[in-house]
Amino acid sequence: MDMTRSERKIDHIRHALGHDREDYSHFDDIDIVHQSLAQLDFSQLSIRTHVGELSLSSPLFVNAMTGGGGTKTEAINRDLAIAARETGIGMAVGSQMAAIKNSEEKRTYEVVRKENPEGIIFANVGSEATLDQAKAAVEMIDADGLQIHLNTLQELIMPEGDRDFSSRMKNIEEIVNGVSVPVIIKEVGYGISHETIQLLKNLGVVYFDVGGRGGTNFSKVENLRRDKPLSAYNNWGIPTPMALLENRHHHPDVHLIGSGGIRHGLDGVKALTLGAKAFGMAGPLLRVLVDFDRTTLVKEIDHIHREIKMAMMLLNISNVENFHESPYVLHGRTKEWMNQRVYDES
């Protein structure tokens, strides 16, 4: 199927909103242990936090979604940016490679900084990007950080996708050493293993968005665009809780961000408890915006913030960064994963 990059961006949004999610959420394998004796004042709670050198008003941010699809994605990014501004949360744009290769698409990303001049905004490029392209992406939106996304399986399923990944590690190393903002390595839905983080730590990376299985499934999205789907890979990847848990154990010195399959504030709290310092949501927020409007999206973000503060009260936590100290119990597949990937290792 031949289509322009812009058409593919719109196709991704349509399929991402329309395809079914997994029935089983691995976040349901985690029970946080309730603490009955509350000692805090709800009205005094603050959800401000830090991820390394990044200071955030909230642990929640709008994760990378779109851009580069003409006026439709420009309108989506405008509304997301306004909602982020009104609720004080950060935002990542979708891959800017479209604008780097076609300057007419720049406005679909630039609108984010225009509408949210003081906000925390992350630029986004693929691991195929050169240092100059990464710098251009950061400059385009005056970004506070740069996501480099890893999407090997998506590319392999995509009919027009890349097949040569031999220069990716070299590209990442040059970008990490050459840009002036924090670089976040982000998976797009297949999770990051502790072996992968070790390789990237050797290149100087300290920020990782594990982007685990459980949210928008790009294998299914791309398979919908194939004449003969590679459907055997529809369930490939590391679920988000497993990716957080094993990397918290093996790499306590890195800054982890949780995303992939986070449905609400309590899932976000579980991600923080399992080792994340912030969490990203994409599909659920986009769905609220598309199905309703920006006002409803703002209310949804406020609701998620309330859910986070409720957990703080129920766990006697006055600082978001202390969620990782909360006791929890693992069940089912997540427990089995940890038994084999962490607990059984010598």
C-alpha atoms as a PDB file:
ATOM      1  CA  MET A   1       0.000   0.000   0.000  1.00  0.00           C
ATOM      2  CA  ASP A   2       1.613   3.265  -1.126  1.00  0.00           C
ATOM      3  CA  MET A   3       0.784   6.415   0.805  1.00  0.00           C
ATOM      4  CA  THR A   4       2.476   9.638   1.775  1.00  0.00           C
ATOM      5  CA  ARG A   5       3.959  10.086   5.245  1.00  0.00           C
ATOM      6  CA  SER A   6       1.178  12.584   6.014  1.00  0.00           C
ATOM      7  CA  GLU A   7      -1.523  10.103   5.005  1.00  0.00           C
ATOM      8  CA  ARG A   8       0.133   7.443   7.151  1.00  0.00           C
ATOM      9  CA  LYS A   9      -0.001   9.727  10.205  1.00  0.00           C
ATOM     10  CA  ILE A  10      -3.770  10.105   9.780  1.00  0.00           C
ATOM     11  CA  ASP A  11      -4.089   6.358   9.180  1.00  0.00           C
ATOM     12  CA  HIS A  12      -2.239   5.673  12.439  1.00  0.00           C
ATOM     13  CA  ILE A  13      -4.626   7.875  14.400  1.00  0.00           C
ATOM     14  CA  ARG A  14      -7.682   6.225  12.865  1.00  0.00           C
ATOM     15  CA  HIS A  15      -6.445   2.706  13.555  1.00  0.00           C
ATOM     16  CA  ALA A  16      -5.063   3.566  17.003  1.00  0.00           C
ATOM     17  CA  LEU A  17      -8.463   4.870  18.073  1.00  0.00           C
ATOM     18  CA  GLY A  18     -10.343   1.997  16.475  1.00  0.00           C
ATOM     19  CA  HIS A  19      -8.456  -1.211  17.280  1.00  0.00           C
ATOM     20  CA  ASP A  20      -9.243  -3.279  20.380  1.00  0.00           C
ATOM     21  CA  ARG A  21      -6.901  -3.227  23.380  1.00  0.00           C
ATOM     22  CA  GLU A  22      -5.818  -6.309  25.268  1.00  0.00           C
ATOM     23  CA  ASP A  23      -8.501  -7.654  27.589  1.00  0.00           C
ATOM     24  CA  TYR A  24      -5.868  -8.437  30.219  1.00  0.00           C
ATOM     25  CA  SER A  25      -4.064  -5.552  31.906  1.00  0.00           C
ATOM     26  CA  HIS A  26      -0.857  -6.468  33.687  1.00  0.00           C
ATOM     27  CA  PHE A  27      -1.444  -3.504  35.992  1.00  0.00           C
ATOM     28  CA  ASP A  28      -4.194  -5.639  37.544  1.00  0.00           C
ATOM     29  CA  ASP A  29      -1.428  -7.998  38.708  1.00  0.00           C
ATOM     30  CA  ILE A  30      -0.297  -5.355  41.214  1.00  0.00           C
ATOM     31  CA  ASP A  31      -2.013  -4.633  44.526  1.00  0.00           C
ATOM     32  CA  ILE A  32      -0.717  -1.679  46.495  1.00  0.00           C
ATOM     33  CA  VAL A  33      -0.974  -2.301  50.238  1.00  0.00           C
ATOM     34  CA  HIS A  34      -3.537   0.036  51.821  1.00  0.00           C
ATOM     35  CA  GLN A  35      -2.537   2.085  54.882  1.00  0.00           C
ATOM     36  CA  SER A  36      -5.612   2.769  57.016  1.00  0.00           C
ATOM     37  CA  LEU A  37      -4.440   5.536  59.312  1.00  0.00           C
ATOM     38  CA  ALA A  38      -4.459   8.739  57.256  1.00  0.00           C
ATOM     39  CA  GLN A  39      -2.232  11.544  58.536  1.00  0.00           C
ATOM     40  CA  LEU A  40      -2.250  14.130  55.734  1.00  0.00           C
ATOM     41  CA  ASP A  41      -4.386  17.080  54.615  1.00  0.00           C
ATOM     42  CA  PHE A  42      -5.738  16.508  51.087  1.00  0.00           C
ATOM     43  CA  SER A  43      -5.836  20.251  50.384  1.00  0.00           C
ATOM     44  CA  GLN A  44      -2.099  20.530  51.100  1.00  0.00           C
ATOM     45  CA  LEU A  45      -0.945  17.756  48.756  1.00  0.00           C
ATOM     46  CA  SER A  46       1.349  18.655  45.871  1.00  0.00           C
ATOM     47  CA  ILE A  47       2.032  16.420  42.902  1.00  0.00           C
ATOM     48  CA  ARG A  48       5.136  18.290  41.741  1.00  0.00           C
ATOM     49  CA  THR A  49       8.042  15.964  41.035  1.00  0.00           C
ATOM     50  CA  HIS A  50      11.440  15.646  39.370  1.00  0.00           C
ATOM     51  CA  VAL A  51      12.764  13.322  36.703  1.00  0.00           C
ATOM     52  CA  GLY A  52      16.488  13.883  36.809  1.00  0.00           C
ATOM     53  CA  GLU A  53      17.066  17.522  35.897  1.00  0.00           C
ATOM     54  CA  LEU A  54      13.474  17.974  34.702  1.00  0.00           C
ATOM     55  CA  SER A  55      11.115  19.672  37.160  1.00  0.00           C
ATOM     56  CA  LEU A  56       7.482  18.687  36.526  1.00  0.00           C
ATOM     57  CA  SER A  57       4.228  20.072  37.907  1.00  0.00           C
ATOM     58  CA  SER A  58       2.739  16.588  37.655  1.00  0.00           C
ATOM     59  CA  PRO A  59       4.045  13.039  37.162  1.00  0.00           C
ATOM     60  CA  LEU A  60       1.531  12.726  34.286  1.00  0.00           C
ATOM     61  CA  PHE A  61       2.373  13.940  30.804  1.00  0.00           C
ATOM     62  CA  VAL A  62       0.778  13.654  27.384  1.00  0.00           C
ATOM     63  CA  ASN A  63       2.945  11.108  25.620  1.00  0.00           C
ATOM     64  CA  ALA A  64       3.987  11.217  21.973  1.00  0.00           C
ATOM     65  CA  MET A  65       1.047  10.910  19.608  1.00  0.00           C
ATOM     66  CA  THR A  66       0.963  12.840  16.414  1.00  0.00           C
ATOM     67  CA  GLY A  67       2.066  15.588  14.064  1.00  0.00           C
ATOM     68  CA  GLY A  68       3.092  15.662  10.431  1.00  0.00           C
ATOM     69  CA  GLY A  69      -0.398  14.863   9.134  1.00  0.00           C
ATOM     70  CA  GLY A  70      -1.436  18.308   7.941  1.00  0.00           C
ATOM     71  CA  THR A  71      -4.284  20.337   9.399  1.00  0.00           C
ATOM     72  CA  LYS A  72      -5.871  17.373  11.196  1.00  0.00           C
ATOM     73  CA  THR A  73      -2.830  16.612  13.339  1.00  0.00           C
ATOM     74  CA  GLU A  74      -2.156  20.326  13.794  1.00  0.00           C
ATOM     75  CA  ALA A  75      -5.629  20.705  15.323  1.00  0.00           C
ATOM     76  CA  ILE A  76      -5.078  17.704  17.605  1.00  0.00           C
ATOM     77  CA  ASN A  77      -1.711  19.006  18.786  1.00  0.00           C
ATOM     78  CA  ARG A  78      -3.174  22.465  19.373  1.00  0.00           C
ATOM     79  CA  ASP A  79      -5.901  21.065  21.611  1.00  0.00           C
ATOM     80  CA  LEU A  80      -3.492  18.764  23.462  1.00  0.00           C
ATOM     81  CA  ALA A  81      -1.098  21.667  24.058  1.00  0.00           C
ATOM     82  CA  ILE A  82      -3.859  23.920  25.390  1.00  0.00           C
ATOM     83  CA  ALA A  83      -5.093  21.146  27.701  1.00  0.00           C
ATOM     84  CA  ALA A  84      -1.525  20.561  28.913  1.00  0.00           C
ATOM     85  CA  ARG A  85      -1.119  24.284  29.560  1.00  0.00           C
ATOM     86  CA  GLU A  86      -4.395  24.554  31.478  1.00  0.00           C
ATOM     87  CA  THR A  87      -3.618  21.522  33.665  1.00  0.00           C
ATOM     88  CA  GLY A  88       0.115  22.108  34.124  1.00  0.00           C
ATOM     89  CA  ILE A  89       1.330  18.840  32.629  1.00  0.00           C
ATOM     90  CA  GLY A  90       4.122  18.111  30.182  1.00  0.00           C
ATOM     91  CA  MET A  91       3.663  16.974  26.607  1.00  0.00           C
ATOM     92  CA  ALA A  92       5.637  15.058  24.001  1.00  0.00           C
ATOM     93  CA  VAL A  93       4.953  15.512  20.296  1.00  0.00           C
ATOM     94  CA  GLY A  94       4.892  12.669  17.820  1.00  0.00           C
ATOM     95  CA  SER A  95       7.839  11.898  15.574  1.00  0.00           C
ATOM     96  CA  GLN A  96       9.111  15.068  13.915  1.00  0.00           C
ATOM     97  CA  MET A  97      10.805  13.234  11.070  1.00  0.00           C
ATOM     98  CA  ALA A  98       7.840  14.242   8.884  1.00  0.00           C
ATOM     99  CA  ALA A  99       8.610  17.948   9.402  1.00  0.00           C
ATOM    100  CA  ILE A 100      12.350  17.441   9.053  1.00  0.00           C
ATOM    101  CA  LYS A 101      11.744  15.891   5.629  1.00  0.00           C
ATOM    102  CA  ASN A 102       8.909  18.262   4.638  1.00  0.00           C
ATOM    103  CA  SER A 103       9.063  21.796   6.049  1.00  0.00           C
ATOM    104  CA  GLU A 104       5.359  22.344   5.314  1.00  0.00           C
ATOM    105  CA  GLU A 105       4.608  20.013   8.247  1.00  0.00           C
ATOM    106  CA  LYS A 106       6.569  22.074  10.798  1.00  0.00           C
ATOM    107  CA  ARG A 107       3.489  24.038  11.821  1.00  0.00           C
ATOM    108  CA  THR A 108       1.787  20.817  13.022  1.00  0.00           C
ATOM    109  CA  TYR A 109       4.463  20.622  15.749  1.00  0.00           C
ATOM    110  CA  GLU A 110       5.285  24.308  16.261  1.00  0.00           C
ATOM    111  CA  VAL A 111       1.690  24.913  17.356  1.00  0.00           C
ATOM    112  CA  VAL A 112       2.469  23.066  20.604  1.00  0.00           C
ATOM    113  CA  ARG A 113       5.056  25.619  21.763  1.00  0.00           C
ATOM    114  CA  LYS A 114       2.929  28.475  20.408  1.00  0.00           C
ATOM    115  CA  GLU A 115      -0.013  27.430  22.581  1.00  0.00           C
ATOM    116  CA  ASN A 116       2.084  26.432  25.601  1.00  0.00           C
ATOM    117  CA  PRO A 117       5.060  28.805  25.693  1.00  0.00           C
ATOM    118  CA  GLU A 118       6.051  28.062  29.315  1.00  0.00           C
ATOM    119  CA  GLY A 119       5.289  24.328  29.409  1.00  0.00           C
ATOM    120  CA  ILE A 120       7.548  21.275  29.502  1.00  0.00           C
ATOM    121  CA  ILE A 121       7.632  19.906  25.941  1.00  0.00           C
ATOM    122  CA  PHE A 122       9.565  16.952  24.551  1.00  0.00           C
ATOM    123  CA  ALA A 123      10.717  16.727  20.960  1.00  0.00           C
ATOM    124  CA  ASN A 124      10.691  13.338  19.215  1.00  0.00           C
ATOM    125  CA  VAL A 125      12.749  11.665  16.503  1.00  0.00           C
ATOM    126  CA  GLY A 126      13.409   8.096  15.443  1.00  0.00           C
ATOM    127  CA  SER A 127      16.685   6.324  16.070  1.00  0.00           C
ATOM    128  CA  GLU A 128      17.430   6.747  12.364  1.00  0.00           C
ATOM    129  CA  ALA A 129      17.868  10.497  12.950  1.00  0.00           C
ATOM    130  CA  THR A 130      21.231  12.211  12.578  1.00  0.00           C
ATOM    131  CA  LEU A 131      22.559  14.656  15.149  1.00  0.00           C
ATOM    132  CA  ASP A 132      21.644  17.588  12.911  1.00  0.00           C
ATOM    133  CA  GLN A 133      18.093  16.268  12.559  1.00  0.00           C
ATOM    134  CA  ALA A 134      17.803  15.838  16.327  1.00  0.00           C
ATOM    135  CA  LYS A 135      19.008  19.399  16.884  1.00  0.00           C
ATOM    136  CA  ALA A 136      16.467  20.629  14.325  1.00  0.00           C
ATOM    137  CA  ALA A 137      13.669  18.797  16.154  1.00  0.00           C
ATOM    138  CA  VAL A 138      14.639  20.368  19.483  1.00  0.00           C
ATOM    139  CA  GLU A 139      14.936  23.834  17.953  1.00  0.00           C
ATOM    140  CA  MET A 140      11.599  23.495  16.115  1.00  0.00           C
ATOM    141  CA  ILE A 141       9.623  23.519  19.358  1.00  0.00           C
ATOM    142  CA  ASP A 142      12.213  24.919  21.794  1.00  0.00           C
ATOM    143  CA  ALA A 143      12.059  21.547  23.535  1.00  0.00           C
ATOM    144  CA  ASP A 144      13.007  20.827  27.139  1.00  0.00           C
ATOM    145  CA  GLY A 145      13.926  17.224  26.321  1.00  0.00           C
ATOM    146  CA  LEU A 146      14.218  14.895  23.345  1.00  0.00           C
ATOM    147  CA  GLN A 147      12.593  11.497  22.953  1.00  0.00           C
ATOM    148  CA  ILE A 148      14.326   9.054  20.613  1.00  0.00           C
ATOM    149  CA  HIS A 149      11.786   6.357  19.858  1.00  0.00           C
ATOM    150  CA  LEU A 150      12.600   2.704  19.235  1.00  0.00           C
ATOM    151  CA  ASN A 151      10.086   0.930  17.000  1.00  0.00           C
ATOM    152  CA  THR A 152      11.882  -1.967  15.329  1.00  0.00           C
ATOM    153  CA  LEU A 153       8.891  -4.304  15.134  1.00  0.00           C
ATOM    154  CA  GLN A 154       6.593  -1.561  13.870  1.00  0.00           C
ATOM    155  CA  GLU A 155       9.075  -0.806  11.075  1.00  0.00           C
ATOM    156  CA  LEU A 156       9.381  -4.494  10.174  1.00  0.00           C
ATOM    157  CA  ILE A 157       5.604  -4.902   9.907  1.00  0.00           C
ATOM    158  CA  MET A 158       5.108  -1.587   8.121  1.00  0.00           C
ATOM    159  CA  PRO A 159       5.141  -2.330   4.365  1.00  0.00           C
ATOM    160  CA  GLU A 160       7.288   0.739   3.665  1.00  0.00           C
ATOM    161  CA  GLY A 161       9.261   0.507   6.941  1.00  0.00           C
ATOM    162  CA  ASP A 162      13.014   0.465   7.530  1.00  0.00           C
ATOM    163  CA  ARG A 163      14.970  -2.775   7.355  1.00  0.00           C
ATOM    164  CA  ASP A 164      18.536  -1.648   8.131  1.00  0.00           C
ATOM    165  CA  PHE A 165      19.155  -0.809  11.802  1.00  0.00           C
ATOM    166  CA  SER A 166      22.932  -1.190  11.790  1.00  0.00           C
ATOM    167  CA  SER A 167      23.684   2.495  12.482  1.00  0.00           C
ATOM    168  CA  ARG A 168      21.101   3.090  15.232  1.00  0.00           C
ATOM    169  CA  MET A 169      23.407   2.803  18.253  1.00  0.00           C
ATOM    170  CA  LYS A 170      25.930   5.144  16.642  1.00  0.00           C
ATOM    171  CA  ASN A 171      23.173   7.667  15.936  1.00  0.00           C
ATOM    172  CA  ILE A 172      21.920   7.545  19.515  1.00  0.00           C
ATOM    173  CA  GLU A 173      25.409   8.026  20.951  1.00  0.00           C
ATOM    174  CA  GLU A 174      26.064  11.058  18.741  1.00  0.00           C
ATOM    175  CA  ILE A 175      22.736  12.620  19.684  1.00  0.00           C
ATOM    176  CA  VAL A 176      23.201  12.005  23.422  1.00  0.00           C
ATOM    177  CA  ASN A 177      26.632  13.656  23.255  1.00  0.00           C
ATOM    178  CA  GLY A 178      25.587  16.427  20.886  1.00  0.00           C
ATOM    179  CA  VAL A 179      22.298  17.947  22.054  1.00  0.00           C
ATOM    180  CA  SER A 180      21.881  20.338  24.965  1.00  0.00           C
ATOM    181  CA  VAL A 181      18.703  18.811  26.476  1.00  0.00           C
ATOM    182  CA  PRO A 182      18.057  15.496  28.268  1.00  0.00           C
ATOM    183  CA  VAL A 183      17.627  12.554  25.870  1.00  0.00           C
ATOM    184  CA  ILE A 184      14.916  10.019  26.667  1.00  0.00           C
ATOM    185  CA  ILE A 185      14.970   6.656  24.921  1.00  0.00           C
ATOM    186  CA  LYS A 186      11.349   5.660  24.371  1.00  0.00           C
ATOM    187  CA  GLU A 187       9.833   2.392  23.217  1.00  0.00           C
ATOM    188  CA  VAL A 188       6.560   2.626  21.289  1.00  0.00           C
ATOM    189  CA  GLY A 189       4.789  -0.336  22.891  1.00  0.00           C
ATOM    190  CA  TYR A 190       7.133  -3.309  23.110  1.00  0.00           C
ATOM    191  CA  GLY A 191       8.917  -2.532  26.369  1.00  0.00           C
ATOM    192  CA  ILE A 192      12.607  -2.051  27.185  1.00  0.00           C
ATOM    193  CA  SER A 193      14.492  -4.985  28.734  1.00  0.00           C
ATOM    194  CA  HIS A 194      17.261  -4.585  31.282  1.00  0.00           C
ATOM    195  CA  GLU A 195      19.748  -5.915  28.699  1.00  0.00           C
ATOM    196  CA  THR A 196      18.780  -3.097  26.321  1.00  0.00           C
ATOM    197  CA  ILE A 197      19.111  -0.467  29.026  1.00  0.00           C
ATOM    198  CA  GLN A 198      22.607  -1.743  29.809  1.00  0.00           C
ATOM    199  CA  LEU A 199      23.627  -1.256  26.174  1.00  0.00           C
ATOM    200  CA  LEU A 200      22.186   2.249  26.145  1.00  0.00           C
ATOM    201  CA  LYS A 201      23.714   3.192  29.492  1.00  0.00           C
ATOM    202  CA  ASN A 202      27.071   2.403  27.900  1.00  0.00           C
ATOM    203  CA  LEU A 203      26.260   5.135  25.365  1.00  0.00           C
ATOM    204  CA  GLY A 204      25.513   7.673  28.094  1.00  0.00           C
ATOM    205  CA  VAL A 205      21.703   7.402  28.248  1.00  0.00           C
ATOM    206  CA  VAL A 206      20.111   7.848  31.697  1.00  0.00           C
ATOM    207  CA  TYR A 207      16.433   8.531  30.819  1.00  0.00           C
ATOM    208  CA  PHE A 208      14.156   5.730  29.625  1.00  0.00           C
ATOM    209  CA  ASP A 209      10.434   5.607  28.828  1.00  0.00           C
ATOM    210  CA  VAL A 210       9.841   1.849  28.912  1.00  0.00           C
ATOM    211  CA  GLY A 211       6.805   2.109  26.573  1.00  0.00           C
ATOM    212  CA  GLY A 212       5.545  -1.368  27.361  1.00  0.00           C
ATOM    213  CA  ARG A 213       2.935  -3.618  25.801  1.00  0.00           C
ATOM    214  CA  GLY A 214      -0.633  -2.932  26.833  1.00  0.00           C
ATOM    215  CA  GLY A 215      -1.591   0.352  25.171  1.00  0.00           C
ATOM    216  CA  THR A 216      -1.843   1.205  21.490  1.00  0.00           C
ATOM    217  CA  ASN A 217      -0.636  -1.914  19.686  1.00  0.00           C
ATOM    218  CA  PHE A 218       1.331  -0.807  16.640  1.00  0.00           C
ATOM    219  CA  SER A 219       1.693  -4.401  15.477  1.00  0.00           C
ATOM    220  CA  LYS A 220      -2.086  -4.523  15.057  1.00  0.00           C
ATOM    221  CA  VAL A 221      -2.168  -0.989  13.669  1.00  0.00           C
ATOM    222  CA  GLU A 222       0.412  -1.788  10.972  1.00  0.00           C
ATOM    223  CA  ASN A 223      -1.070  -5.209  10.269  1.00  0.00           C
ATOM    224  CA  LEU A 224      -4.352  -3.511   9.375  1.00  0.00           C
ATOM    225  CA  ARG A 225      -2.417  -1.858   6.559  1.00  0.00           C
ATOM    226  CA  ARG A 226      -0.917  -5.074   5.171  1.00  0.00           C
ATOM    227  CA  ASP A 227      -2.424  -7.288   2.475  1.00  0.00           C
ATOM    228  CA  LYS A 228      -1.136 -10.319   4.410  1.00  0.00           C
ATOM    229  CA  PRO A 229      -0.822  -9.474   8.123  1.00  0.00           C
ATOM    230  CA  LEU A 230       2.105 -10.638  10.234  1.00  0.00           C
ATOM    231  CA  SER A 231      -0.384 -11.309  13.003  1.00  0.00           C
ATOM    232  CA  ALA A 232       1.845 -13.781  14.859  1.00  0.00           C
ATOM    233  CA  TYR A 233       3.553 -10.703  16.328  1.00  0.00           C
ATOM    234  CA  ASN A 234       0.410  -8.984  17.615  1.00  0.00           C
ATOM    235  CA  ASN A 235       1.242  -9.931  21.218  1.00  0.00           C
ATOM    236  CA  TRP A 236       5.003  -9.399  21.094  1.00  0.00           C
ATOM    237  CA  GLY A 237       6.683  -7.317  23.758  1.00  0.00           C
ATOM    238  CA  ILE A 238       7.277  -6.699  27.457  1.00  0.00           C
ATOM    239  CA  PRO A 239       4.250  -5.395  29.407  1.00  0.00           C
ATOM    240  CA  THR A 240       4.864  -2.105  31.183  1.00  0.00           C
ATOM    241  CA  PRO A 241       4.864  -3.362  34.806  1.00  0.00           C
ATOM    242  CA  MET A 242       7.436  -6.049  33.986  1.00  0.00           C
ATOM    243  CA  ALA A 243       9.699  -3.578  32.206  1.00  0.00           C
ATOM    244  CA  LEU A 244       9.574  -1.202  35.179  1.00  0.00           C
ATOM    245  CA  LEU A 245      10.169  -3.908  37.767  1.00  0.00           C
ATOM    246  CA  GLU A 246      13.142  -5.584  36.139  1.00  0.00           C
ATOM    247  CA  ASN A 247      14.842  -2.298  35.309  1.00  0.00           C
ATOM    248  CA  ARG A 248      14.240  -0.885  38.776  1.00  0.00           C
ATOM    249  CA  HIS A 249      16.076  -3.948  40.098  1.00  0.00           C
ATOM    250  CA  HIS A 250      18.913  -4.079  37.578  1.00  0.00           C
ATOM    251  CA  HIS A 251      19.397  -0.333  36.957  1.00  0.00           C
ATOM    252  CA  PRO A 252      18.524   1.718  40.045  1.00  0.00           C
ATOM    253  CA  ASP A 253      20.762   4.521  38.747  1.00  0.00           C
ATOM    254  CA  VAL A 254      18.590   5.462  35.723  1.00  0.00           C
ATOM    255  CA  HIS A 255      15.451   7.602  35.456  1.00  0.00           C
ATOM    256  CA  LEU A 256      12.494   5.429  34.445  1.00  0.00           C
ATOM    257  CA  ILE A 257       9.248   6.683  32.919  1.00  0.00           C
ATOM    258  CA  GLY A 258       6.226   4.389  32.660  1.00  0.00           C
ATOM    259  CA  SER A 259       3.928   4.296  29.658  1.00  0.00           C
ATOM    260  CA  GLY A 260       1.921   1.749  27.738  1.00  0.00           C
ATOM    261  CA  GLY A 261      -1.493   0.585  28.899  1.00  0.00           C
ATOM    262  CA  ILE A 262      -1.983   3.142  31.673  1.00  0.00           C
ATOM    263  CA  ARG A 263      -5.764   3.520  31.834  1.00  0.00           C
ATOM    264  CA  HIS A 264      -6.231   5.956  34.710  1.00  0.00           C
ATOM    265  CA  GLY A 265      -4.544   7.620  37.670  1.00  0.00           C
ATOM    266  CA  LEU A 266      -4.334   4.459  39.758  1.00  0.00           C
ATOM    267  CA  ASP A 267      -2.416   2.647  36.996  1.00  0.00           C
ATOM    268  CA  GLY A 268      -0.140   5.681  36.938  1.00  0.00           C
ATOM    269  CA  VAL A 269       0.332   5.379  40.697  1.00  0.00           C
ATOM    270  CA  LYS A 270       1.206   1.702  40.253  1.00  0.00           C
ATOM    271  CA  ALA A 271       3.817   2.679  37.664  1.00  0.00           C
ATOM    272  CA  LEU A 272       5.314   5.141  40.156  1.00  0.00           C
ATOM    273  CA  THR A 273       5.261   2.469  42.859  1.00  0.00           C
ATOM    274  CA  LEU A 274       7.097   0.029  40.564  1.00  0.00           C
ATOM    275  CA  GLY A 275       9.931   2.464  39.930  1.00  0.00           C
ATOM    276  CA  ALA A 276       8.791   5.094  37.410  1.00  0.00           C
ATOM    277  CA  LYS A 277       9.419   8.751  38.200  1.00  0.00           C
ATOM    278  CA  ALA A 278       6.674   9.908  35.825  1.00  0.00           C
ATOM    279  CA  PHE A 279       4.103   8.293  33.554  1.00  0.00           C
ATOM    280  CA  GLY A 280       2.803   9.049  30.092  1.00  0.00           C
ATOM    281  CA  MET A 281      -0.648   8.552  28.610  1.00  0.00           C
ATOM    282  CA  ALA A 282      -1.490   8.824  24.934  1.00  0.00           C
ATOM    283  CA  GLY A 283      -4.399   6.785  23.516  1.00  0.00           C
ATOM    284  CA  PRO A 284      -6.842   7.298  26.430  1.00  0.00           C
ATOM    285  CA  LEU A 285      -6.341  11.077  26.348  1.00  0.00           C
ATOM    286  CA  LEU A 286      -6.604  11.254  22.565  1.00  0.00           C
ATOM    287  CA  ARG A 287      -9.818   9.242  22.693  1.00  0.00           C
ATOM    288  CA  VAL A 288     -11.400  11.697  25.157  1.00  0.00           C
ATOM    289  CA  LEU A 289     -10.391  14.611  22.927  1.00  0.00           C
ATOM    290  CA  VAL A 290     -11.706  13.026  19.731  1.00  0.00           C
ATOM    291  CA  ASP A 291     -14.912  11.591  21.236  1.00  0.00           C
ATOM    292  CA  PHE A 292     -15.765  14.717  23.233  1.00  0.00           C
ATOM    293  CA  ASP A 293     -13.785  17.972  23.271  1.00  0.00           C
ATOM    294  CA  ARG A 294     -10.881  19.823  24.852  1.00  0.00           C
ATOM    295  CA  THR A 295     -12.937  20.911  27.872  1.00  0.00           C
ATOM    296  CA  THR A 296     -13.722  17.278  28.648  1.00  0.00           C
ATOM    297  CA  LEU A 297     -10.039  16.387  28.242  1.00  0.00           C
ATOM    298  CA  VAL A 298      -9.076  19.035  30.799  1.00  0.00           C
ATOM    299  CA  LYS A 299     -11.634  17.567  33.204  1.00  0.00           C
ATOM    300  CA  GLU A 300     -10.215  14.080  32.598  1.00  0.00           C
ATOM    301  CA  ILE A 301      -6.664  15.228  33.399  1.00  0.00           C
ATOM    302  CA  ASP A 302      -7.928  16.941  36.555  1.00  0.00           C
ATOM    303  CA  HIS A 303      -9.660  13.672  37.469  1.00  0.00           C
ATOM    304  CA  ILE A 304      -6.401  11.735  37.036  1.00  0.00           C
ATOM    305  CA  HIS A 305      -4.655  14.239  39.298  1.00  0.00           C
ATOM    306  CA  ARG A 306      -7.346  13.693  41.916  1.00  0.00           C
ATOM    307  CA  GLU A 307      -6.814   9.917  41.663  1.00  0.00           C
ATOM    308  CA  ILE A 308      -3.081  10.434  42.303  1.00  0.00           C
ATOM    309  CA  LYS A 309      -3.771  12.588  45.365  1.00  0.00           C
ATOM    310  CA  MET A 310      -6.241  10.012  46.690  1.00  0.00           C
ATOM    311  CA  ALA A 311      -3.502   7.384  46.532  1.00  0.00           C
ATOM    312  CA  MET A 312      -1.155   9.751  48.345  1.00  0.00           C
ATOM    313  CA  MET A 313      -3.723  10.041  51.151  1.00  0.00           C
ATOM    314  CA  LEU A 314      -4.329   6.282  51.269  1.00  0.00           C
ATOM    315  CA  LEU A 315      -0.596   5.567  51.484  1.00  0.00           C
ATOM    316  CA  ASN A 316       0.405   8.523  53.698  1.00  0.00           C
ATOM    317  CA  ILE A 317       2.697   9.944  51.034  1.00  0.00           C
ATOM    318  CA  SER A 318       3.278  13.695  50.965  1.00  0.00           C
ATOM    319  CA  ASN A 319       5.657  13.585  47.989  1.00  0.00           C
ATOM    320  CA  VAL A 320       5.072  11.851  44.650  1.00  0.00           C
ATOM    321  CA  GLU A 321       8.690  10.705  44.608  1.00  0.00           C
ATOM    322  CA  ASN A 322       7.992   8.508  47.657  1.00  0.00           C
ATOM    323  CA  PHE A 323       5.519   6.219  45.886  1.00  0.00           C
ATOM    324  CA  HIS A 324       8.405   3.862  45.109  1.00  0.00           C
ATOM    325  CA  GLU A 325       8.696   3.129  48.838  1.00  0.00           C
ATOM    326  CA  SER A 326       5.105   1.836  49.089  1.00  0.00           C
ATOM    327  CA  PRO A 327       4.614  -1.905  49.704  1.00  0.00           C
ATOM    328  CA  TYR A 328       2.915  -3.902  46.971  1.00  0.00           C
ATOM    329  CA  VAL A 329       1.998  -7.487  46.128  1.00  0.00           C
ATOM    330  CA  LEU A 330       2.450  -9.148  42.723  1.00  0.00           C
ATOM    331  CA  HIS A 331       0.148 -11.729  41.191  1.00  0.00           C
ATOM    332  CA  GLY A 332      -0.158 -13.831  38.048  1.00  0.00           C
ATOM    333  CA  ARG A 333       1.962 -13.254  34.973  1.00  0.00           C
ATOM    334  CA  THR A 334       3.817 -10.304  36.468  1.00  0.00           C
ATOM    335  CA  LYS A 335       4.914 -12.392  39.444  1.00  0.00           C
ATOM    336  CA  GLU A 336       5.967 -15.221  37.106  1.00  0.00           C
ATOM    337  CA  TRP A 337       8.003 -12.753  35.028  1.00  0.00           C
ATOM    338  CA  MET A 338       9.770 -11.425  38.099  1.00  0.00           C
ATOM    339  CA  ASN A 339      10.441 -14.934  39.412  1.00  0.00           C
ATOM    340  CA  GLN A 340      12.313 -15.776  36.211  1.00  0.00           C
ATOM    341  CA  ARG A 341      13.854 -12.415  35.286  1.00  0.00           C
ATOM    342  CA  VAL A 342      14.927 -11.164  38.705  1.00  0.00           C
ATOM    343  CA  TYR A 343      14.374 -13.429  41.698  1.00  0.00           C
ATOM    344  CA  ASP A 344      15.868 -16.601  40.195  1.00  0.00           C
ATOM    345  CA  GLU A 345      19.027 -14.865  38.954  1.00  0.00           C
ATOM    346  CA  SER A 346      22.209 -15.443  40.897  1.00  0.00           C
END
